N, C-alpha and C. Protein backbone atom coordinates (compact mmCIF):
# COMPACT_ATOMS: atom_id res chain seq x y z
N MET A 1 121.01 103.94 98.85
CA MET A 1 119.69 103.33 98.82
C MET A 1 119.80 101.80 98.80
N ARG A 2 118.98 101.18 99.63
CA ARG A 2 118.95 99.72 99.64
C ARG A 2 117.56 99.16 99.31
N ALA A 3 116.57 100.04 99.28
CA ALA A 3 115.20 99.58 99.00
C ALA A 3 114.39 100.70 98.37
N VAL A 4 113.37 100.30 97.64
CA VAL A 4 112.42 101.25 97.04
C VAL A 4 111.01 100.78 97.35
N VAL A 5 110.18 101.70 97.84
CA VAL A 5 108.77 101.41 98.10
C VAL A 5 107.94 102.20 97.09
N PHE A 6 106.97 101.53 96.48
CA PHE A 6 106.16 102.14 95.43
C PHE A 6 104.70 102.26 95.86
N ASP A 7 104.12 103.41 95.57
CA ASP A 7 102.67 103.59 95.60
C ASP A 7 102.09 102.79 94.42
N VAL A 8 100.77 102.73 94.34
CA VAL A 8 100.12 101.93 93.28
C VAL A 8 99.45 102.81 92.23
N GLY A 9 98.32 103.43 92.58
CA GLY A 9 97.55 104.19 91.60
C GLY A 9 98.30 105.37 91.03
N GLU A 10 98.40 105.44 89.71
CA GLU A 10 99.10 106.46 88.94
C GLU A 10 100.60 106.52 89.20
N THR A 11 101.11 105.52 89.92
CA THR A 11 102.55 105.30 90.01
C THR A 11 102.91 104.06 89.21
N LEU A 12 102.22 102.97 89.51
CA LEU A 12 102.39 101.73 88.74
C LEU A 12 101.21 101.49 87.80
N VAL A 13 100.02 101.83 88.25
CA VAL A 13 98.79 101.51 87.52
C VAL A 13 98.15 102.76 86.93
N ASP A 14 97.89 102.72 85.64
CA ASP A 14 97.13 103.77 84.95
C ASP A 14 95.65 103.53 85.26
N GLU A 15 95.03 104.46 85.96
CA GLU A 15 93.65 104.28 86.39
C GLU A 15 92.61 104.78 85.39
N SER A 16 93.04 105.11 84.19
CA SER A 16 92.12 105.68 83.20
C SER A 16 90.93 104.77 82.93
N ARG A 17 91.19 103.49 82.67
CA ARG A 17 90.07 102.58 82.35
C ARG A 17 89.10 102.47 83.51
N LEU A 18 89.62 102.45 84.72
CA LEU A 18 88.77 102.36 85.89
C LEU A 18 87.79 103.53 85.94
N TRP A 19 88.32 104.76 85.77
CA TRP A 19 87.46 105.95 85.86
C TRP A 19 86.49 106.03 84.68
N LEU A 20 86.91 105.56 83.52
CA LEU A 20 86.00 105.57 82.38
C LEU A 20 84.86 104.59 82.57
N ARG A 21 85.15 103.44 83.18
CA ARG A 21 84.07 102.50 83.49
C ARG A 21 83.10 103.09 84.50
N TRP A 22 83.64 103.82 85.48
CA TRP A 22 82.76 104.45 86.45
C TRP A 22 81.90 105.53 85.81
N ALA A 23 82.46 106.30 84.89
CA ALA A 23 81.66 107.32 84.21
C ALA A 23 80.47 106.69 83.50
N ASP A 24 80.73 105.59 82.83
CA ASP A 24 79.65 104.88 82.14
C ASP A 24 78.63 104.35 83.14
N ARG A 25 79.10 103.82 84.24
CA ARG A 25 78.20 103.30 85.26
C ARG A 25 77.33 104.41 85.86
N LEU A 26 77.91 105.57 86.05
CA LEU A 26 77.20 106.70 86.65
C LEU A 26 76.31 107.45 85.66
N GLY A 27 76.46 107.13 84.38
CA GLY A 27 75.63 107.76 83.37
C GLY A 27 76.03 109.16 83.01
N VAL A 28 77.33 109.46 83.11
CA VAL A 28 77.83 110.77 82.71
C VAL A 28 78.94 110.58 81.68
N THR A 29 79.27 111.64 80.96
CA THR A 29 80.33 111.53 79.96
C THR A 29 81.68 111.37 80.64
N PRO A 30 82.65 110.76 79.95
CA PRO A 30 83.99 110.66 80.52
C PRO A 30 84.56 112.01 80.92
N LEU A 31 84.36 113.03 80.08
CA LEU A 31 84.90 114.35 80.39
C LEU A 31 84.31 114.89 81.69
N THR A 32 83.02 114.66 81.90
CA THR A 32 82.37 115.15 83.12
C THR A 32 83.00 114.53 84.36
N PHE A 33 83.12 113.21 84.36
CA PHE A 33 83.63 112.55 85.55
C PHE A 33 85.13 112.82 85.75
N LEU A 34 85.89 112.77 84.67
CA LEU A 34 87.32 113.06 84.79
C LEU A 34 87.55 114.50 85.22
N GLY A 35 86.68 115.41 84.74
CA GLY A 35 86.77 116.80 85.18
C GLY A 35 86.50 116.93 86.67
N ALA A 36 85.54 116.17 87.17
CA ALA A 36 85.24 116.20 88.61
C ALA A 36 86.41 115.67 89.42
N ILE A 37 87.05 114.62 88.92
CA ILE A 37 88.24 114.08 89.60
C ILE A 37 89.35 115.13 89.61
N GLY A 38 89.55 115.78 88.46
CA GLY A 38 90.57 116.82 88.39
C GLY A 38 90.29 117.97 89.34
N ALA A 39 89.02 118.33 89.48
CA ALA A 39 88.65 119.39 90.42
C ALA A 39 88.98 118.99 91.85
N CYS A 40 88.73 117.74 92.19
CA CYS A 40 89.06 117.25 93.53
C CYS A 40 90.57 117.28 93.75
N ALA A 41 91.32 116.87 92.74
CA ALA A 41 92.77 116.90 92.86
C ALA A 41 93.29 118.31 93.06
N ALA A 42 92.72 119.26 92.32
CA ALA A 42 93.19 120.65 92.38
C ALA A 42 92.84 121.34 93.68
N THR A 43 91.76 120.88 94.33
CA THR A 43 91.29 121.54 95.55
C THR A 43 91.53 120.71 96.80
N ASP A 44 92.34 119.67 96.67
CA ASP A 44 92.70 118.80 97.79
C ASP A 44 91.49 118.16 98.46
N ARG A 45 90.51 117.84 97.66
CA ARG A 45 89.35 117.10 98.17
C ARG A 45 89.57 115.61 97.87
N PRO A 46 89.03 114.73 98.70
CA PRO A 46 89.18 113.29 98.42
C PRO A 46 88.50 112.92 97.12
N VAL A 47 89.04 111.95 96.42
CA VAL A 47 88.50 111.56 95.12
C VAL A 47 87.06 111.07 95.24
N GLU A 48 86.68 110.59 96.42
CA GLU A 48 85.29 110.15 96.63
C GLU A 48 84.30 111.28 96.39
N ASP A 49 84.74 112.53 96.58
CA ASP A 49 83.84 113.66 96.36
C ASP A 49 83.42 113.78 94.90
N ALA A 50 84.24 113.24 93.98
CA ALA A 50 83.88 113.32 92.56
C ALA A 50 82.59 112.58 92.28
N PHE A 51 82.35 111.48 93.00
CA PHE A 51 81.10 110.74 92.83
C PHE A 51 79.90 111.57 93.26
N ALA A 52 80.05 112.26 94.40
CA ALA A 52 78.95 113.09 94.91
C ALA A 52 78.70 114.30 94.02
N ILE A 53 79.73 114.77 93.33
CA ILE A 53 79.56 115.92 92.43
C ILE A 53 78.64 115.54 91.27
N VAL A 54 78.85 114.38 90.69
CA VAL A 54 78.06 113.99 89.51
C VAL A 54 76.77 113.27 89.89
N ARG A 55 76.73 112.70 91.10
CA ARG A 55 75.49 112.06 91.56
C ARG A 55 75.33 112.32 93.05
N PRO A 56 74.75 113.46 93.42
CA PRO A 56 74.59 113.80 94.84
C PRO A 56 73.86 112.71 95.61
N GLY A 57 74.37 112.43 96.80
CA GLY A 57 73.74 111.45 97.67
C GLY A 57 74.13 110.01 97.39
N ILE A 58 75.01 109.76 96.46
CA ILE A 58 75.37 108.39 96.10
C ILE A 58 76.05 107.68 97.26
N ASP A 59 75.74 106.42 97.42
CA ASP A 59 76.45 105.52 98.34
C ASP A 59 77.37 104.68 97.46
N VAL A 60 78.65 105.04 97.42
CA VAL A 60 79.58 104.41 96.48
C VAL A 60 79.72 102.91 96.76
N ALA A 61 79.79 102.54 98.03
CA ALA A 61 79.93 101.13 98.37
C ALA A 61 78.72 100.33 97.90
N ALA A 62 77.52 100.89 98.09
CA ALA A 62 76.31 100.20 97.65
C ALA A 62 76.25 100.11 96.13
N GLU A 63 76.70 101.17 95.45
CA GLU A 63 76.71 101.17 93.99
C GLU A 63 77.70 100.13 93.47
N ASP A 64 78.85 100.03 94.12
CA ASP A 64 79.84 99.04 93.73
C ASP A 64 79.30 97.63 93.92
N ALA A 65 78.59 97.40 95.03
CA ALA A 65 78.01 96.08 95.29
C ALA A 65 76.95 95.74 94.25
N ALA A 66 76.14 96.73 93.88
CA ALA A 66 75.11 96.51 92.86
C ALA A 66 75.76 96.21 91.52
N TRP A 67 76.85 96.89 91.24
CA TRP A 67 77.59 96.67 89.99
C TRP A 67 78.13 95.24 89.95
N ALA A 68 78.65 94.79 91.07
CA ALA A 68 79.17 93.42 91.14
C ALA A 68 78.06 92.40 90.89
N ALA A 69 76.87 92.68 91.40
CA ALA A 69 75.75 91.77 91.18
C ALA A 69 75.31 91.78 89.72
N ASP A 70 75.37 92.95 89.08
CA ASP A 70 74.99 93.06 87.67
C ASP A 70 75.99 92.36 86.75
N ASP A 71 77.27 92.40 87.13
CA ASP A 71 78.34 91.93 86.24
C ASP A 71 79.37 91.17 87.06
N PRO A 72 79.04 89.99 87.59
CA PRO A 72 79.93 89.30 88.52
C PRO A 72 81.27 88.90 87.92
N ALA A 73 81.35 88.74 86.62
CA ALA A 73 82.61 88.30 86.00
C ALA A 73 83.41 89.47 85.43
N GLY A 74 82.88 90.68 85.50
CA GLY A 74 83.53 91.83 84.88
C GLY A 74 84.63 92.43 85.75
N LEU A 75 85.42 93.31 85.14
CA LEU A 75 86.51 93.96 85.85
C LEU A 75 85.98 95.04 86.80
N ARG A 76 84.95 95.74 86.38
CA ARG A 76 84.27 96.74 87.20
C ARG A 76 85.24 97.74 87.84
N ASN A 77 85.15 97.85 89.15
CA ASN A 77 85.95 98.82 89.89
C ASN A 77 87.29 98.20 90.27
N GLY A 78 88.13 97.95 89.27
CA GLY A 78 89.41 97.33 89.52
C GLY A 78 90.34 97.49 88.34
N PHE A 79 91.47 96.79 88.40
CA PHE A 79 92.46 96.88 87.32
C PHE A 79 93.11 95.52 87.16
N ASP A 80 93.84 95.37 86.04
CA ASP A 80 94.61 94.15 85.81
C ASP A 80 95.92 94.52 85.14
N ALA A 81 96.66 93.52 84.67
CA ALA A 81 97.99 93.77 84.12
C ALA A 81 97.98 94.70 82.92
N ASP A 82 96.86 94.76 82.19
CA ASP A 82 96.78 95.65 81.03
C ASP A 82 96.81 97.12 81.44
N ASP A 83 96.58 97.40 82.73
CA ASP A 83 96.55 98.78 83.20
C ASP A 83 97.90 99.25 83.74
N LEU A 84 98.90 98.38 83.76
CA LEU A 84 100.22 98.81 84.20
C LEU A 84 100.79 99.83 83.21
N TYR A 85 101.45 100.85 83.72
CA TYR A 85 102.17 101.75 82.82
C TYR A 85 103.30 100.96 82.14
N PRO A 86 103.62 101.29 80.90
CA PRO A 86 104.59 100.47 80.15
C PRO A 86 106.00 100.46 80.72
N ASP A 87 106.35 101.44 81.55
CA ASP A 87 107.70 101.47 82.11
C ASP A 87 107.84 100.64 83.38
N VAL A 88 106.74 100.07 83.88
CA VAL A 88 106.77 99.41 85.18
C VAL A 88 107.65 98.17 85.19
N ARG A 89 107.36 97.21 84.33
CA ARG A 89 108.12 95.95 84.37
C ARG A 89 109.62 96.16 84.08
N PRO A 90 109.98 96.91 83.02
CA PRO A 90 111.42 97.08 82.78
C PRO A 90 112.13 97.82 83.91
N ALA A 91 111.47 98.82 84.49
CA ALA A 91 112.11 99.56 85.59
C ALA A 91 112.28 98.68 86.81
N LEU A 92 111.23 97.94 87.17
CA LEU A 92 111.34 97.06 88.33
C LEU A 92 112.40 95.99 88.12
N THR A 93 112.48 95.46 86.92
CA THR A 93 113.48 94.43 86.62
C THR A 93 114.89 94.97 86.79
N ARG A 94 115.13 96.17 86.27
CA ARG A 94 116.47 96.76 86.39
C ARG A 94 116.82 97.06 87.84
N LEU A 95 115.85 97.57 88.59
CA LEU A 95 116.10 97.88 90.00
C LEU A 95 116.37 96.61 90.79
N ARG A 96 115.59 95.57 90.52
CA ARG A 96 115.79 94.29 91.22
C ARG A 96 117.15 93.71 90.88
N ASP A 97 117.53 93.79 89.60
CA ASP A 97 118.83 93.25 89.18
C ASP A 97 120.00 94.01 89.82
N SER A 98 119.76 95.26 90.19
CA SER A 98 120.82 96.06 90.82
C SER A 98 120.97 95.74 92.30
N GLY A 99 120.11 94.88 92.83
CA GLY A 99 120.23 94.46 94.22
C GLY A 99 119.34 95.18 95.20
N LEU A 100 118.48 96.05 94.71
CA LEU A 100 117.57 96.78 95.60
C LEU A 100 116.39 95.90 96.00
N ARG A 101 115.94 96.05 97.23
CA ARG A 101 114.73 95.36 97.67
C ARG A 101 113.54 96.22 97.28
N LEU A 102 112.53 95.61 96.67
CA LEU A 102 111.40 96.35 96.12
C LEU A 102 110.11 95.97 96.84
N VAL A 103 109.39 97.00 97.27
CA VAL A 103 108.14 96.83 98.01
C VAL A 103 107.05 97.65 97.34
N ILE A 104 105.88 97.07 97.17
CA ILE A 104 104.69 97.81 96.73
C ILE A 104 103.77 97.95 97.93
N ALA A 105 103.40 99.18 98.25
CA ALA A 105 102.53 99.42 99.40
C ALA A 105 101.72 100.69 99.14
N GLY A 106 100.40 100.55 99.10
CA GLY A 106 99.55 101.71 98.86
C GLY A 106 98.22 101.59 99.57
N ASN A 107 97.43 102.65 99.49
CA ASN A 107 96.08 102.64 100.03
C ASN A 107 95.17 101.97 99.00
N GLN A 108 94.98 100.68 99.13
CA GLN A 108 94.22 99.92 98.15
C GLN A 108 93.29 98.94 98.84
N PRO A 109 92.13 98.64 98.23
CA PRO A 109 91.23 97.64 98.80
C PRO A 109 91.76 96.23 98.56
N PRO A 110 91.17 95.22 99.22
CA PRO A 110 91.66 93.84 99.08
C PRO A 110 91.70 93.35 97.65
N ARG A 111 90.72 93.73 96.81
CA ARG A 111 90.70 93.22 95.44
C ARG A 111 91.91 93.70 94.65
N ALA A 112 92.40 94.91 94.99
CA ALA A 112 93.58 95.43 94.31
C ALA A 112 94.81 94.61 94.67
N LEU A 113 94.88 94.19 95.92
CA LEU A 113 96.01 93.36 96.36
C LEU A 113 96.03 92.05 95.58
N THR A 114 94.87 91.45 95.40
CA THR A 114 94.77 90.22 94.61
C THR A 114 95.23 90.44 93.18
N ALA A 115 94.78 91.57 92.60
CA ALA A 115 95.16 91.89 91.22
C ALA A 115 96.66 92.08 91.08
N LEU A 116 97.27 92.80 92.01
CA LEU A 116 98.71 93.06 91.95
C LEU A 116 99.51 91.77 92.07
N ARG A 117 99.09 90.91 92.98
CA ARG A 117 99.82 89.67 93.17
C ARG A 117 99.69 88.73 91.98
N ALA A 118 98.63 88.88 91.21
CA ALA A 118 98.44 88.04 90.03
C ALA A 118 99.30 88.50 88.85
N MET A 119 99.91 89.67 88.95
CA MET A 119 100.68 90.22 87.84
C MET A 119 102.09 89.67 87.75
N ASP A 120 102.55 88.97 88.77
CA ASP A 120 103.89 88.38 88.77
C ASP A 120 104.95 89.46 88.53
N LEU A 121 104.89 90.51 89.30
CA LEU A 121 105.85 91.60 89.18
C LEU A 121 107.15 91.23 89.89
N PRO A 122 108.30 91.71 89.39
CA PRO A 122 109.59 91.38 90.00
C PRO A 122 109.85 92.22 91.26
N VAL A 123 109.06 91.98 92.30
CA VAL A 123 109.22 92.69 93.56
C VAL A 123 109.29 91.68 94.70
N ASP A 124 109.71 92.17 95.86
CA ASP A 124 109.87 91.29 97.02
C ASP A 124 108.61 91.17 97.86
N VAL A 125 107.88 92.26 98.01
CA VAL A 125 106.72 92.28 98.89
C VAL A 125 105.63 93.14 98.28
N ILE A 126 104.39 92.69 98.40
CA ILE A 126 103.22 93.50 98.02
C ILE A 126 102.26 93.51 99.21
N ARG A 127 101.95 94.69 99.70
CA ARG A 127 101.01 94.85 100.80
C ARG A 127 100.08 96.03 100.48
N ASN A 128 98.98 96.10 101.21
CA ASN A 128 98.10 97.26 101.06
C ASN A 128 97.71 97.76 102.45
N SER A 129 97.03 98.90 102.45
CA SER A 129 96.66 99.52 103.71
C SER A 129 95.73 98.63 104.53
N ALA A 130 94.89 97.87 103.85
CA ALA A 130 93.97 96.98 104.57
C ALA A 130 94.74 95.94 105.37
N GLU A 131 95.79 95.37 104.79
CA GLU A 131 96.60 94.38 105.50
C GLU A 131 97.44 95.02 106.60
N LEU A 132 97.95 96.22 106.32
CA LEU A 132 98.82 96.88 107.29
C LEU A 132 98.04 97.49 108.44
N GLY A 133 96.75 97.72 108.23
CA GLY A 133 95.92 98.28 109.28
C GLY A 133 96.10 99.77 109.47
N VAL A 134 96.69 100.45 108.50
CA VAL A 134 96.90 101.89 108.59
C VAL A 134 97.03 102.44 107.18
N GLU A 135 96.54 103.66 106.95
CA GLU A 135 96.55 104.26 105.63
C GLU A 135 97.47 105.48 105.58
N LYS A 136 98.02 105.72 104.40
CA LYS A 136 98.73 106.98 104.17
C LYS A 136 97.73 108.13 104.32
N PRO A 137 98.17 109.26 104.83
CA PRO A 137 99.56 109.65 105.15
C PRO A 137 99.97 109.42 106.60
N ASP A 138 99.28 108.54 107.31
CA ASP A 138 99.62 108.26 108.71
C ASP A 138 101.08 107.80 108.81
N PRO A 139 101.85 108.36 109.76
CA PRO A 139 103.24 107.92 109.91
C PRO A 139 103.39 106.42 110.13
N GLY A 140 102.35 105.81 110.72
CA GLY A 140 102.41 104.37 110.94
C GLY A 140 102.52 103.58 109.66
N PHE A 141 101.94 104.12 108.58
CA PHE A 141 102.03 103.43 107.29
C PHE A 141 103.49 103.36 106.83
N PHE A 142 104.20 104.46 106.97
CA PHE A 142 105.58 104.51 106.49
C PHE A 142 106.51 103.73 107.41
N ALA A 143 106.17 103.66 108.68
CA ALA A 143 106.92 102.79 109.59
C ALA A 143 106.74 101.33 109.19
N ALA A 144 105.50 100.97 108.83
CA ALA A 144 105.24 99.60 108.38
C ALA A 144 105.95 99.31 107.07
N ALA A 145 105.98 100.29 106.16
CA ALA A 145 106.67 100.11 104.88
C ALA A 145 108.16 99.89 105.10
N ALA A 146 108.74 100.63 106.04
CA ALA A 146 110.17 100.46 106.33
C ALA A 146 110.43 99.07 106.90
N GLU A 147 109.52 98.57 107.71
CA GLU A 147 109.67 97.22 108.26
C GLU A 147 109.61 96.18 107.14
N LEU A 148 108.73 96.39 106.17
CA LEU A 148 108.66 95.48 105.03
C LEU A 148 109.95 95.51 104.22
N ALA A 149 110.51 96.72 104.09
CA ALA A 149 111.75 96.87 103.32
C ALA A 149 112.93 96.24 104.05
N GLY A 150 112.86 96.19 105.37
CA GLY A 150 113.91 95.54 106.14
C GLY A 150 115.16 96.37 106.33
N VAL A 151 115.06 97.68 106.07
CA VAL A 151 116.21 98.58 106.27
C VAL A 151 115.71 99.85 106.94
N ILE A 152 116.62 100.70 107.39
CA ILE A 152 116.23 101.94 108.04
C ILE A 152 115.64 102.90 107.00
N PRO A 153 114.75 103.82 107.43
CA PRO A 153 114.10 104.72 106.47
C PRO A 153 115.07 105.50 105.60
N GLU A 154 116.21 105.88 106.15
CA GLU A 154 117.18 106.66 105.38
C GLU A 154 117.77 105.91 104.19
N GLN A 155 117.56 104.60 104.15
CA GLN A 155 118.05 103.78 103.04
C GLN A 155 116.94 103.40 102.06
N ILE A 156 115.78 104.10 102.18
CA ILE A 156 114.61 103.77 101.36
C ILE A 156 114.21 104.96 100.52
N ALA A 157 113.95 104.71 99.24
CA ALA A 157 113.31 105.70 98.37
C ALA A 157 111.83 105.35 98.29
N TYR A 158 110.98 106.36 98.46
CA TYR A 158 109.53 106.13 98.32
C TYR A 158 109.05 106.87 97.08
N VAL A 159 108.39 106.15 96.18
CA VAL A 159 107.95 106.70 94.90
C VAL A 159 106.43 106.78 94.87
N GLY A 160 105.89 107.98 94.64
CA GLY A 160 104.45 108.15 94.55
C GLY A 160 104.09 109.34 93.71
N ASP A 161 102.79 109.51 93.43
CA ASP A 161 102.34 110.58 92.55
C ASP A 161 101.72 111.76 93.30
N ARG A 162 101.67 111.69 94.64
CA ARG A 162 101.03 112.76 95.41
C ARG A 162 101.98 113.32 96.44
N ALA A 163 101.92 114.65 96.60
CA ALA A 163 102.72 115.28 97.65
C ALA A 163 102.14 114.99 99.02
N ASP A 164 100.82 115.11 99.16
CA ASP A 164 100.19 115.01 100.47
C ASP A 164 100.21 113.59 101.02
N ASN A 165 99.93 112.61 100.20
CA ASN A 165 99.83 111.23 100.66
C ASN A 165 101.14 110.46 100.57
N ASP A 166 102.03 110.89 99.69
CA ASP A 166 103.23 110.10 99.39
C ASP A 166 104.52 110.77 99.81
N VAL A 167 104.96 111.75 99.05
CA VAL A 167 106.34 112.21 99.20
C VAL A 167 106.59 113.02 100.46
N LEU A 168 105.64 113.86 100.89
CA LEU A 168 105.89 114.66 102.09
C LEU A 168 105.90 113.80 103.36
N PRO A 169 104.91 112.93 103.57
CA PRO A 169 105.01 112.07 104.76
C PRO A 169 106.17 111.08 104.68
N ALA A 170 106.54 110.66 103.46
CA ALA A 170 107.71 109.79 103.33
C ALA A 170 108.97 110.53 103.76
N ALA A 171 109.08 111.79 103.33
CA ALA A 171 110.23 112.60 103.72
C ALA A 171 110.26 112.81 105.24
N ASP A 172 109.09 113.07 105.82
CA ASP A 172 109.01 113.25 107.27
C ASP A 172 109.41 111.98 108.01
N ALA A 173 109.20 110.82 107.37
CA ALA A 173 109.57 109.55 107.98
C ALA A 173 111.05 109.24 107.83
N GLY A 174 111.78 110.08 107.10
CA GLY A 174 113.21 109.89 106.91
C GLY A 174 113.58 109.24 105.59
N MET A 175 112.58 108.92 104.75
CA MET A 175 112.85 108.31 103.45
C MET A 175 113.21 109.37 102.41
N TRP A 176 113.76 108.90 101.29
CA TRP A 176 114.06 109.80 100.19
C TRP A 176 112.85 109.84 99.27
N PRO A 177 112.15 111.00 99.17
CA PRO A 177 110.90 111.06 98.42
C PRO A 177 111.12 111.32 96.93
N ILE A 178 110.39 110.57 96.11
CA ILE A 178 110.44 110.75 94.66
C ILE A 178 109.02 110.89 94.16
N LEU A 179 108.72 112.01 93.50
CA LEU A 179 107.40 112.28 92.96
C LEU A 179 107.40 111.99 91.47
N ILE A 180 106.53 111.09 91.03
CA ILE A 180 106.42 110.82 89.61
C ILE A 180 105.31 111.69 89.02
N ARG A 181 105.65 112.41 87.97
CA ARG A 181 104.75 113.39 87.39
C ARG A 181 103.86 112.71 86.33
N ARG A 182 102.82 112.04 86.81
CA ARG A 182 101.79 111.50 85.93
C ARG A 182 100.51 111.32 86.73
N GLY A 183 99.40 111.31 86.00
CA GLY A 183 98.11 111.35 86.67
C GLY A 183 97.81 112.76 87.13
N PRO A 184 96.55 113.07 87.43
CA PRO A 184 96.18 114.45 87.78
C PRO A 184 96.92 114.97 89.00
N TRP A 185 97.08 114.14 90.03
CA TRP A 185 97.78 114.61 91.22
C TRP A 185 99.26 114.83 90.94
N GLY A 186 99.86 113.94 90.16
CA GLY A 186 101.28 114.07 89.88
C GLY A 186 101.63 115.37 89.19
N TYR A 187 100.85 115.72 88.17
CA TYR A 187 101.14 116.96 87.45
C TYR A 187 100.87 118.19 88.30
N LEU A 188 99.78 118.16 89.05
CA LEU A 188 99.44 119.31 89.90
C LEU A 188 100.44 119.46 91.04
N HIS A 189 100.72 118.37 91.72
CA HIS A 189 101.57 118.46 92.90
C HIS A 189 103.03 118.74 92.56
N ALA A 190 103.45 118.39 91.35
CA ALA A 190 104.83 118.70 90.94
C ALA A 190 105.06 120.21 90.87
N GLN A 191 103.99 120.98 90.73
CA GLN A 191 104.11 122.43 90.63
C GLN A 191 104.08 123.13 91.99
N ARG A 192 103.81 122.38 93.04
CA ARG A 192 103.67 123.00 94.36
C ARG A 192 105.03 123.19 95.02
N PRO A 193 105.21 124.32 95.72
CA PRO A 193 106.53 124.61 96.31
C PRO A 193 107.03 123.52 97.25
N GLN A 194 106.11 122.89 98.01
CA GLN A 194 106.57 121.88 98.96
C GLN A 194 107.15 120.64 98.28
N SER A 195 106.84 120.47 96.99
CA SER A 195 107.35 119.31 96.28
C SER A 195 108.83 119.44 95.95
N THR A 196 109.42 120.60 96.23
CA THR A 196 110.87 120.73 96.06
C THR A 196 111.62 119.85 97.05
N ARG A 197 110.92 119.33 98.05
CA ARG A 197 111.55 118.38 98.97
C ARG A 197 111.79 117.03 98.30
N ALA A 198 111.14 116.82 97.17
CA ALA A 198 111.23 115.53 96.48
C ALA A 198 112.00 115.67 95.18
N LYS A 199 112.55 114.56 94.73
CA LYS A 199 113.08 114.47 93.37
C LYS A 199 111.90 114.18 92.45
N ILE A 200 111.75 114.95 91.37
CA ILE A 200 110.63 114.78 90.47
C ILE A 200 111.10 114.06 89.20
N ILE A 201 110.38 113.00 88.84
CA ILE A 201 110.72 112.23 87.64
C ILE A 201 109.49 112.12 86.75
N ASP A 202 109.70 111.78 85.48
CA ASP A 202 108.61 111.60 84.53
C ASP A 202 108.43 110.15 84.11
N SER A 203 109.34 109.29 84.52
CA SER A 203 109.26 107.88 84.17
C SER A 203 109.98 107.06 85.21
N LEU A 204 109.48 105.87 85.49
CA LEU A 204 110.17 104.98 86.40
C LEU A 204 111.50 104.51 85.84
N LEU A 205 111.68 104.63 84.54
CA LEU A 205 112.94 104.23 83.93
C LEU A 205 114.09 105.15 84.31
N GLU A 206 113.77 106.29 84.93
CA GLU A 206 114.82 107.18 85.45
C GLU A 206 115.41 106.67 86.75
N LEU A 207 114.70 105.76 87.42
CA LEU A 207 115.12 105.35 88.76
C LEU A 207 116.45 104.59 88.81
N PRO A 208 116.71 103.64 87.91
CA PRO A 208 117.98 102.90 88.03
C PRO A 208 119.20 103.81 88.06
N ALA A 209 119.25 104.81 87.18
CA ALA A 209 120.39 105.73 87.18
C ALA A 209 120.36 106.64 88.40
N LEU A 210 119.16 107.05 88.78
CA LEU A 210 119.00 107.96 89.91
C LEU A 210 119.45 107.32 91.22
N LEU A 211 119.14 106.05 91.39
CA LEU A 211 119.44 105.36 92.62
C LEU A 211 120.75 104.59 92.57
N GLY A 212 121.39 104.58 91.41
CA GLY A 212 122.60 103.78 91.24
C GLY A 212 123.76 104.25 92.06
């Protein structure tokens, strides 16, 4: 291995606060909204469907814009350094010190890219699907990630929490897939037979020894 590419949500960033803020915004209990997200994860529905479950007919983009107008200085539908999982910085530091090239690349909106770059993480490149012009699981995304890493796919480990969006298309692209078992998708997808194509870990701190 010469490089590692990381997904963002529930790989590096704990999205709990984000979803709890949305539950409050939508006027439902945290359990209700988190349950809807879990149902979407279990049935392979897009997470956007969770909004329609608790508020049929909602225009999420319009609601987000209204939220921004109500609270222009607030965190709202986003994250910051306080939402990083505690193993992120030490794991990235050890991997970087071992000589690996580190890339963060996920399906994220522009505001997430700004937030990630403000965290001063010990990585070489941070990009998102908006900048790359293609989203996972499209093979073009993984081709772009390999170009960012600067090595052939066979020399890249791709770390993510989903089988469908992360590890399976990464494996198809020739990368070494690693599924991290956290977040609703991570725990569910780790139990699926197709995830045997990936190495399953419970912490990013396992990576230095795994890739050493």
